[in-house]
Amino acid sequence: MSDAPHPESKGHLGYYIEHGISPVTYRTDDIGAHFDRRDSLYRSLGLPPIAFKGADVLEVAPGSGQNSLYVAACAPASLTLVEPNPTGRRDIAAAYANLQVAHTAPVLIAETLQRFESERRFDIVICENWLGGRPNELNLLAKLAGFVAPGGALVITTVPLAGFFPNIMRKLLALRLVPADMSFERKTSVLIEAFGPHLSTIKEMTRSHRDWVHDCLINPHYLNVSLPLELVLRTIGTELESMATFPRFATDWRWFKALSGQNRRFNETLLDAAGRNTLSFIDYRRTFPERPSAENAPLEAAFAAIHQLALDWQAAVEGGDQLRRDQLTNRIGRQIGEIARLLATADHELAAAIHELGAIWALPAPAIADVNGMKLFNGVFGRESVYVSFTRPRSEDGKAPSGDSNG
């Protein structure tokens, strides 16, 4: 198949193809450490190595393919990788060419999920850090779930708005630091300088600052990656049941003998747990005691509001509407203040970090030194990528038992 982009090559894919990038490459010089990280993730999702052995596995949008190396080394019966980005496919080929452990060779399909079709159903389906919550992407999520065989598993990432908030604001600050007519390389160097001190606080980071800047700050479609758990369950919850998450935020003290028929309610139980843990999604360095969902509701509403304001603000910037941009800048500033106020009742240190963010946002023209000199907000990164595993119940119609639908 040629490397010419599909008609669907818009959004993230179009941006990647335009600049010839696949900004998701990790450090894998220590393959043992890389495999440990993947094993730790999958075992927490209910998928130890034996789950992959002899299984038919599908991964959509594998990017550099480095994460799939672990799966391949678990000896699945088959491994199908669907990746439309030419740069990503080259990275995948290089990753497997350098893999020195016994593994199942993948079948690499140069196709978008929109165009990918298969009569075959897979034991395990994986899609990490790609699909967002827009209607067309939710349709793709439903399509993805349809590839899961009865008794099989789906692994995806959700993006809670509470966890997304810190990087929503970094994205907006980035847009204020670099004008649209600045070259791609110059934007890259400016934003690495501005946000490098922030990223350096993440000691276990395996992606380069350059790739992170390309994927999160320059990428014009980054704000669309939000995918709250509620939307996921609304989309696939009638077919699939939640199994586990990482990080783990849900406990279930029910007696297993009571979990039949309408009493299973795994999706509803998970959604309720998410609502009680809003605070712990905001800063990956901390966990907070659970509190009733109703008490967290104002914060959830504030995060949803600032996400929508951010989308509107970016649209105003791209459309050259200075008046609208200025109005939204002020509204975003007020919303930052509201979030700080709501957080002050839970944690003064976190609230102070948001106040610092608000002070930088309020500057008429934030500079590189203002951003890289932040002392409180610089280390605040949310639990933005929350992994969730689902399973398709073994039933004749492939539907989840009645009573456990979308939560």
Protein backbone atom coordinates (compact mmCIF):
# COMPACT_ATOMS: atom_id res chain seq x y z
CA MET A 1 0.00 0.00 0.00
CA SER A 2 1.32 3.52 -0.75
CA ASP A 3 2.12 6.12 1.88
CA ALA A 4 -0.42 8.55 0.43
CA PRO A 5 -2.78 9.76 3.17
CA HIS A 6 -6.34 8.51 3.29
CA PRO A 7 -9.27 10.91 3.05
CA GLU A 8 -9.66 10.27 6.81
CA SER A 9 -6.11 11.56 7.41
CA LYS A 10 -7.17 14.56 9.44
CA GLY A 11 -6.78 15.30 13.11
CA HIS A 12 -3.79 13.72 14.83
CA LEU A 13 -2.94 11.54 11.82
CA GLY A 14 -2.94 14.45 9.38
CA TYR A 15 -0.72 16.47 11.73
CA TYR A 16 1.73 13.57 12.12
CA ILE A 17 1.89 12.96 8.38
CA GLU A 18 2.32 16.67 7.61
CA HIS A 19 5.41 16.90 9.80
CA GLY A 20 6.71 13.36 9.25
CA ILE A 21 6.59 12.49 12.95
CA SER A 22 5.41 9.76 15.28
CA PRO A 23 6.01 11.49 18.62
CA VAL A 24 5.45 8.50 20.89
CA THR A 25 8.91 6.95 20.97
CA TYR A 26 10.14 5.69 24.35
CA ARG A 27 13.54 4.85 25.74
CA THR A 28 13.91 1.09 25.35
CA ASP A 29 17.68 0.73 25.65
CA ASP A 30 16.95 -1.44 28.70
CA ILE A 31 14.44 -3.86 27.18
CA GLY A 32 14.07 -5.69 30.49
CA ALA A 33 12.93 -2.51 32.24
CA HIS A 34 10.59 -1.74 29.34
CA PHE A 35 9.04 -5.21 29.57
CA ASP A 36 8.72 -4.83 33.36
CA ARG A 37 6.73 -1.65 32.87
CA ARG A 38 4.38 -3.25 30.36
CA ASP A 39 4.00 -6.37 32.50
CA SER A 40 3.18 -4.21 35.53
CA LEU A 41 0.51 -2.40 33.55
CA TYR A 42 -1.15 -5.44 32.01
CA ARG A 43 -1.14 -7.55 35.18
CA SER A 44 -2.93 -4.69 36.93
CA LEU A 45 -5.54 -4.82 34.18
CA GLY A 46 -6.12 -8.55 34.70
CA LEU A 47 -3.86 -9.65 31.84
CA PRO A 48 -0.75 -11.54 33.02
CA PRO A 49 1.63 -12.94 30.35
CA ILE A 50 -0.33 -16.19 30.06
CA ALA A 51 -3.35 -14.20 28.86
CA PHE A 52 -1.44 -13.26 25.71
CA LYS A 53 0.15 -16.66 25.06
CA GLY A 54 -1.64 -18.35 22.17
CA ALA A 55 -4.12 -15.47 21.87
CA ASP A 56 -5.15 -13.54 18.77
CA VAL A 57 -4.25 -9.92 19.54
CA LEU A 58 -5.19 -6.72 17.71
CA GLU A 59 -3.59 -3.35 18.47
CA VAL A 60 -4.90 -0.23 16.75
CA ALA A 61 -2.71 2.89 16.48
CA PRO A 62 0.42 1.29 18.00
CA GLY A 63 2.51 4.34 17.04
CA SER A 64 6.18 3.36 17.34
CA GLY A 65 5.21 -0.25 18.08
CA GLN A 66 7.46 -0.37 21.13
CA ASN A 67 4.63 -1.28 23.51
CA SER A 68 3.64 -4.17 21.26
CA LEU A 69 7.10 -5.71 21.66
CA TYR A 70 6.12 -7.01 25.09
CA VAL A 71 2.94 -8.58 23.72
CA ALA A 72 4.89 -10.16 20.86
CA ALA A 73 7.36 -11.64 23.36
CA CYS A 74 4.45 -13.30 25.22
CA ALA A 75 4.01 -15.61 22.20
CA PRO A 76 0.49 -14.79 21.00
CA ALA A 77 -0.89 -16.96 18.21
CA SER A 78 -1.16 -13.81 16.10
CA LEU A 79 -0.46 -10.10 16.51
CA THR A 80 -2.15 -7.64 14.16
CA LEU A 81 -1.00 -4.00 14.21
CA VAL A 82 -3.15 -1.39 12.42
CA GLU A 83 -1.12 1.80 11.88
CA PRO A 84 -1.77 4.29 9.03
CA ASN A 85 1.12 6.69 9.81
CA PRO A 86 4.10 5.98 7.49
CA THR A 87 6.58 7.26 10.08
CA GLY A 88 5.02 5.04 12.71
CA ARG A 89 5.26 2.02 10.42
CA ARG A 90 8.93 2.69 9.84
CA ASP A 91 9.46 2.91 13.59
CA ILE A 92 7.62 -0.38 14.07
CA ALA A 93 9.78 -2.14 11.48
CA ALA A 94 12.93 -0.80 13.16
CA ALA A 95 11.73 -1.83 16.63
CA TYR A 96 11.15 -5.43 15.54
CA ALA A 97 14.36 -5.57 13.55
CA ASN A 98 16.25 -4.79 16.75
CA LEU A 99 14.27 -7.12 19.05
CA GLN A 100 16.63 -9.84 20.23
CA VAL A 101 14.15 -12.03 22.13
CA ALA A 102 11.88 -14.77 20.80
CA HIS A 103 8.61 -13.27 19.66
CA THR A 104 5.61 -13.58 17.36
CA ALA A 105 6.15 -11.55 14.20
CA PRO A 106 3.33 -9.03 13.80
CA VAL A 107 1.16 -8.50 10.75
CA LEU A 108 1.36 -4.77 10.04
CA ILE A 109 -1.64 -3.27 8.27
CA ALA A 110 -1.24 0.22 6.76
CA GLU A 111 -4.81 1.29 7.34
CA THR A 112 -6.98 3.58 9.43
CA LEU A 113 -9.47 2.10 11.87
CA GLN A 114 -12.18 3.73 9.75
CA ARG A 115 -11.20 1.50 6.85
CA PHE A 116 -10.00 -1.55 8.71
CA GLU A 117 -12.45 -4.45 8.56
CA SER A 118 -12.19 -8.02 9.81
CA GLU A 119 -14.65 -10.85 10.07
CA ARG A 120 -12.33 -12.28 12.65
CA ARG A 121 -12.78 -11.53 16.34
CA PHE A 122 -9.80 -11.15 18.63
CA ASP A 123 -9.07 -12.43 22.12
CA ILE A 124 -7.43 -9.15 23.13
CA VAL A 125 -7.88 -5.70 21.51
CA ILE A 126 -5.65 -2.79 22.53
CA CYS A 127 -5.84 0.92 21.73
CA GLU A 128 -3.86 3.36 23.87
CA ASN A 129 -3.87 7.16 23.98
CA TRP A 130 -5.63 7.85 20.73
CA LEU A 131 -9.43 7.98 20.74
CA GLY A 132 -11.11 11.02 22.26
CA GLY A 133 -14.69 11.89 23.05
CA ARG A 134 -15.92 13.49 19.84
CA PRO A 135 -18.90 11.73 18.18
CA ASN A 136 -16.88 10.29 15.29
CA GLU A 137 -14.30 8.92 17.72
CA LEU A 138 -16.97 7.37 19.92
CA ASN A 139 -18.23 5.61 16.80
CA LEU A 140 -14.71 4.26 16.31
CA LEU A 141 -14.62 3.14 19.95
CA ALA A 142 -17.80 1.17 19.34
CA LYS A 143 -16.25 -0.34 16.22
CA LEU A 144 -13.15 -1.27 18.21
CA ALA A 145 -15.27 -2.98 20.86
CA GLY A 146 -16.96 -4.98 18.12
CA PHE A 147 -13.68 -6.75 17.36
CA VAL A 148 -13.58 -8.33 20.86
CA ALA A 149 -14.51 -12.01 20.92
CA PRO A 150 -16.85 -13.40 23.60
CA GLY A 151 -14.75 -13.87 26.71
CA GLY A 152 -12.09 -11.56 25.25
CA ALA A 153 -10.65 -8.31 26.57
CA LEU A 154 -10.42 -4.70 25.42
CA VAL A 155 -7.73 -2.34 26.79
CA ILE A 156 -8.15 1.40 26.21
CA THR A 157 -7.18 4.66 27.88
CA THR A 158 -9.66 7.16 29.22
CA VAL A 159 -8.80 10.81 29.86
CA PRO A 160 -10.69 12.26 32.86
CA LEU A 161 -11.13 16.02 32.72
CA ALA A 162 -9.69 16.42 36.22
CA GLY A 163 -6.50 14.71 35.09
CA PHE A 164 -6.47 16.58 31.80
CA PHE A 165 -6.73 20.03 33.39
CA PRO A 166 -3.01 20.71 34.03
CA ASN A 167 -2.06 19.96 30.43
CA ILE A 168 -5.08 21.80 29.05
CA MET A 169 -3.53 24.87 30.61
CA ARG A 170 -0.04 24.05 29.34
CA LYS A 171 -1.50 23.76 25.84
CA LEU A 172 -3.12 27.19 26.14
CA LEU A 173 0.04 28.76 27.57
CA ALA A 174 1.98 27.25 24.67
CA LEU A 175 -0.34 28.93 22.19
CA ARG A 176 0.34 32.26 23.91
CA LEU A 177 4.11 31.73 23.70
CA VAL A 178 4.44 30.84 20.02
CA PRO A 179 2.70 32.72 17.17
CA ALA A 180 1.08 30.69 14.43
CA ASP A 181 3.57 31.90 11.80
CA MET A 182 6.60 30.67 13.76
CA SER A 183 8.36 27.71 12.14
CA PHE A 184 7.75 24.20 13.45
CA GLU A 185 11.34 23.81 14.61
CA ARG A 186 11.38 27.20 16.32
CA LYS A 187 8.12 26.41 18.10
CA THR A 188 9.67 23.16 19.24
CA SER A 189 12.78 24.80 20.73
CA VAL A 190 10.82 27.60 22.42
CA LEU A 191 8.37 25.23 24.06
CA ILE A 192 11.07 22.80 25.19
CA GLU A 193 12.80 25.74 26.87
CA ALA A 194 9.56 26.93 28.47
CA PHE A 195 8.23 23.58 29.67
CA GLY A 196 11.44 21.59 30.05
CA PRO A 197 11.63 22.39 33.79
CA HIS A 198 8.06 21.12 34.18
CA LEU A 199 8.84 17.86 32.38
CA SER A 200 12.08 17.39 34.31
CA THR A 201 10.04 16.97 37.49
CA ILE A 202 8.75 13.64 36.10
CA LYS A 203 11.63 11.34 37.00
CA GLU A 204 10.22 8.21 35.33
CA MET A 205 9.37 9.86 32.03
CA THR A 206 10.45 7.68 29.08
CA ARG A 207 9.44 9.96 26.21
CA SER A 208 11.70 12.79 25.04
CA HIS A 209 10.75 16.38 25.77
CA ARG A 210 10.76 16.98 22.02
CA ASP A 211 8.21 14.26 21.34
CA TRP A 212 6.03 15.43 24.23
CA VAL A 213 6.04 19.01 22.93
CA HIS A 214 5.16 17.79 19.43
CA ASP A 215 2.31 15.59 20.65
CA CYS A 216 0.78 17.76 23.35
CA LEU A 217 1.66 21.41 22.78
CA ILE A 218 2.08 21.94 19.03
CA ASN A 219 -0.47 19.32 17.96
CA PRO A 220 -3.54 21.42 17.06
CA HIS A 221 -5.86 18.53 17.94
CA TYR A 222 -4.53 17.78 21.42
CA LEU A 223 -7.50 19.26 23.31
CA ASN A 224 -9.77 16.71 21.62
CA VAL A 225 -8.25 13.72 23.43
CA SER A 226 -10.47 14.09 26.51
CA LEU A 227 -12.43 10.88 27.09
CA PRO A 228 -14.29 10.71 30.41
CA LEU A 229 -15.23 7.26 31.69
CA GLU A 230 -18.91 8.13 31.54
CA LEU A 231 -18.70 8.62 27.76
CA VAL A 232 -16.91 5.30 27.34
CA LEU A 233 -19.55 3.42 29.31
CA ARG A 234 -22.32 5.16 27.45
CA THR A 235 -20.75 4.00 24.19
CA ILE A 236 -19.75 0.39 24.90
CA GLY A 237 -21.25 -0.38 28.32
CA THR A 238 -24.18 -2.34 26.94
CA GLU A 239 -21.76 -4.82 25.34
CA LEU A 240 -18.69 -4.90 27.56
CA GLU A 241 -18.14 -5.05 31.31
CA SER A 242 -15.32 -3.18 33.05
CA MET A 243 -12.71 -5.46 34.54
CA ALA A 244 -9.90 -3.38 36.05
CA THR A 245 -8.16 0.00 35.86
CA PHE A 246 -4.70 1.40 36.27
CA PRO A 247 -4.23 3.35 38.38
CA ARG A 248 -6.61 1.39 40.56
CA PHE A 249 -9.20 3.63 42.17
CA ALA A 250 -12.14 1.25 42.67
CA THR A 251 -12.75 -1.27 45.41
CA ASP A 252 -15.61 -3.73 45.40
CA TRP A 253 -16.54 -5.27 48.75
CA ARG A 254 -19.56 -7.17 47.44
CA TRP A 255 -19.79 -10.92 47.92
CA PHE A 256 -19.05 -12.68 44.64
CA LYS A 257 -21.98 -15.06 45.12
CA ALA A 258 -24.32 -12.09 44.87
CA LEU A 259 -22.88 -10.98 41.51
CA SER A 260 -25.24 -12.56 39.02
CA GLY A 261 -27.76 -11.18 36.57
CA GLN A 262 -28.77 -7.62 37.32
CA ASN A 263 -26.55 -7.53 40.42
CA ARG A 264 -23.27 -7.64 38.48
CA ARG A 265 -23.23 -3.88 37.81
CA PHE A 266 -19.46 -3.70 37.26
CA ASN A 267 -19.71 -0.59 35.09
CA GLU A 268 -21.90 1.30 37.52
CA THR A 269 -19.63 0.37 40.42
CA LEU A 270 -16.58 1.68 38.54
CA LEU A 271 -18.28 4.92 37.52
CA ASP A 272 -19.33 5.58 41.10
CA ALA A 273 -15.76 5.03 42.28
CA ALA A 274 -14.45 7.49 39.69
CA GLY A 275 -16.86 10.13 40.96
CA ARG A 276 -15.57 9.71 44.51
CA ASN A 277 -11.93 10.10 43.49
CA THR A 278 -11.89 13.31 41.43
CA LEU A 279 -9.19 14.91 43.58
CA SER A 280 -6.72 12.07 43.04
CA PHE A 281 -6.78 12.52 39.27
CA ILE A 282 -5.52 16.13 39.42
CA ASP A 283 -1.90 15.55 40.52
CA TYR A 284 -0.19 12.22 39.83
CA ARG A 285 2.08 12.67 42.85
CA ARG A 286 -0.75 12.53 45.36
CA THR A 287 -3.79 10.61 46.40
CA PHE A 288 -6.62 12.02 48.46
CA PRO A 289 -9.30 10.38 50.59
CA GLU A 290 -12.50 9.59 48.72
CA ARG A 291 -15.43 11.90 49.23
CA PRO A 292 -19.03 11.72 48.00
CA SER A 293 -19.53 12.27 44.28
CA ALA A 294 -21.92 15.12 45.04
CA GLU A 295 -19.13 16.92 46.88
CA ASN A 296 -16.86 16.56 43.84
CA ALA A 297 -19.56 17.61 41.36
CA PRO A 298 -18.68 21.36 41.41
CA LEU A 299 -15.05 20.54 40.64
CA GLU A 300 -16.04 18.20 37.82
CA ALA A 301 -18.25 20.94 36.40
CA ALA A 302 -15.40 23.45 36.65
CA PHE A 303 -13.02 21.15 34.78
CA ALA A 304 -15.63 20.52 32.08
CA ALA A 305 -16.20 24.27 31.77
CA ILE A 306 -12.51 25.10 31.38
CA HIS A 307 -12.09 22.36 28.77
CA GLN A 308 -14.88 23.86 26.68
CA LEU A 309 -13.47 27.35 27.17
CA ALA A 310 -10.08 26.07 26.03
CA LEU A 311 -11.60 24.63 22.84
CA ASP A 312 -13.39 27.93 22.18
CA TRP A 313 -10.25 29.95 22.94
CA GLN A 314 -8.13 27.89 20.52
CA ALA A 315 -10.80 28.30 17.83
CA ALA A 316 -10.78 32.08 18.37
CA VAL A 317 -6.98 32.13 18.07
CA GLU A 318 -7.00 30.04 14.89
CA GLY A 319 -9.80 32.17 13.46
CA GLY A 320 -8.02 35.45 14.22
CA ASP A 321 -10.90 36.73 16.38
CA GLN A 322 -8.98 38.94 18.83
CA LEU A 323 -12.07 40.28 20.63
CA ARG A 324 -13.43 36.79 21.24
CA ARG A 325 -9.99 35.62 22.33
CA ASP A 326 -9.68 38.43 24.89
CA GLN A 327 -13.15 37.70 26.28
CA LEU A 328 -12.33 34.02 26.64
CA THR A 329 -8.95 34.78 28.19
CA ASN A 330 -10.73 36.61 30.98
CA ARG A 331 -13.30 33.86 31.41
CA ILE A 332 -10.58 31.22 31.61
CA GLY A 333 -8.82 33.32 34.26
CA ARG A 334 -11.99 33.44 36.34
CA GLN A 335 -12.45 29.70 35.93
CA ILE A 336 -8.89 29.05 37.13
CA GLY A 337 -9.72 31.12 40.19
CA GLU A 338 -12.87 29.09 40.79
CA ILE A 339 -10.91 25.82 40.61
CA ALA A 340 -8.36 27.19 43.09
CA ARG A 341 -11.18 28.20 45.41
CA LEU A 342 -12.78 24.77 45.26
CA LEU A 343 -9.43 23.05 45.86
CA ALA A 344 -8.59 25.23 48.85
CA THR A 345 -11.07 23.27 50.97
CA ALA A 346 -9.22 20.03 50.16
CA ASP A 347 -5.53 20.93 49.89
CA HIS A 348 -3.89 24.35 50.32
CA GLU A 349 -0.70 23.33 48.48
CA LEU A 350 -2.56 22.26 45.37
CA ALA A 351 -4.72 25.37 45.52
CA ALA A 352 -1.56 27.52 45.74
CA ALA A 353 -0.21 25.86 42.59
CA ILE A 354 -3.41 26.74 40.74
CA HIS A 355 -3.21 30.31 42.04
CA GLU A 356 0.31 30.53 40.56
CA LEU A 357 -1.07 29.26 37.26
CA GLY A 358 -3.77 31.92 37.41
CA ALA A 359 -1.17 34.65 37.98
CA ILE A 360 0.82 33.59 34.93
CA TRP A 361 -2.33 33.32 32.81
CA ALA A 362 -3.34 36.85 33.86
CA LEU A 363 -0.14 38.39 32.44
CA PRO A 364 -0.78 40.43 29.29
CA ALA A 365 1.88 38.42 27.41
CA PRO A 366 3.39 35.48 29.30
CA ALA A 367 7.06 34.91 28.43
CA ILE A 368 9.26 31.83 28.38
CA ALA A 369 10.84 32.86 31.68
CA ASP A 370 7.42 33.19 33.33
CA VAL A 371 6.50 29.62 32.41
CA ASN A 372 9.80 27.88 33.07
CA GLY A 373 10.18 29.79 36.32
CA MET A 374 6.98 28.44 37.88
CA LYS A 375 7.75 26.91 41.28
CA LEU A 376 4.44 25.34 42.33
CA PHE A 377 2.48 24.44 39.22
CA ASN A 378 5.55 23.12 37.36
CA GLY A 379 5.25 19.67 38.94
CA VAL A 380 1.47 19.36 38.68
CA PHE A 381 0.64 16.76 36.03
CA GLY A 382 -2.67 14.97 36.21
CA ARG A 383 -3.42 11.29 35.99
CA GLU A 384 -4.35 11.96 32.40
CA SER A 385 -4.10 8.47 30.90
CA VAL A 386 -6.24 6.08 32.91
CA TYR A 387 -6.16 2.54 31.54
CA VAL A 388 -9.33 0.47 31.65
CA SER A 389 -9.79 -3.16 30.68
CA PHE A 390 -13.16 -4.56 29.64
CA THR A 391 -14.38 -8.03 28.84
CA ARG A 392 -17.14 -9.25 26.59
CA PRO A 393 -19.33 -11.66 28.56
CA ARG A 394 -19.63 -15.20 27.27
CA SER A 395 -23.26 -15.12 26.23
CA GLU A 396 -25.14 -16.04 23.09
CA ASP A 397 -25.88 -12.48 22.03
CA GLY A 398 -22.59 -10.96 23.22
CA LYS A 399 -24.44 -8.38 25.32
CA ALA A 400 -23.68 -7.49 28.90
CA PRO A 401 -26.15 -8.99 31.40
CA SER A 402 -29.23 -6.85 31.89
CA GLY A 403 -28.92 -4.21 34.56
CA ASP A 404 -25.27 -3.40 33.78
CA SER A 405 -25.32 -0.99 30.90
CA ASN A 406 -23.80 2.47 30.76
CA GLY A 407 -23.77 3.28 34.46
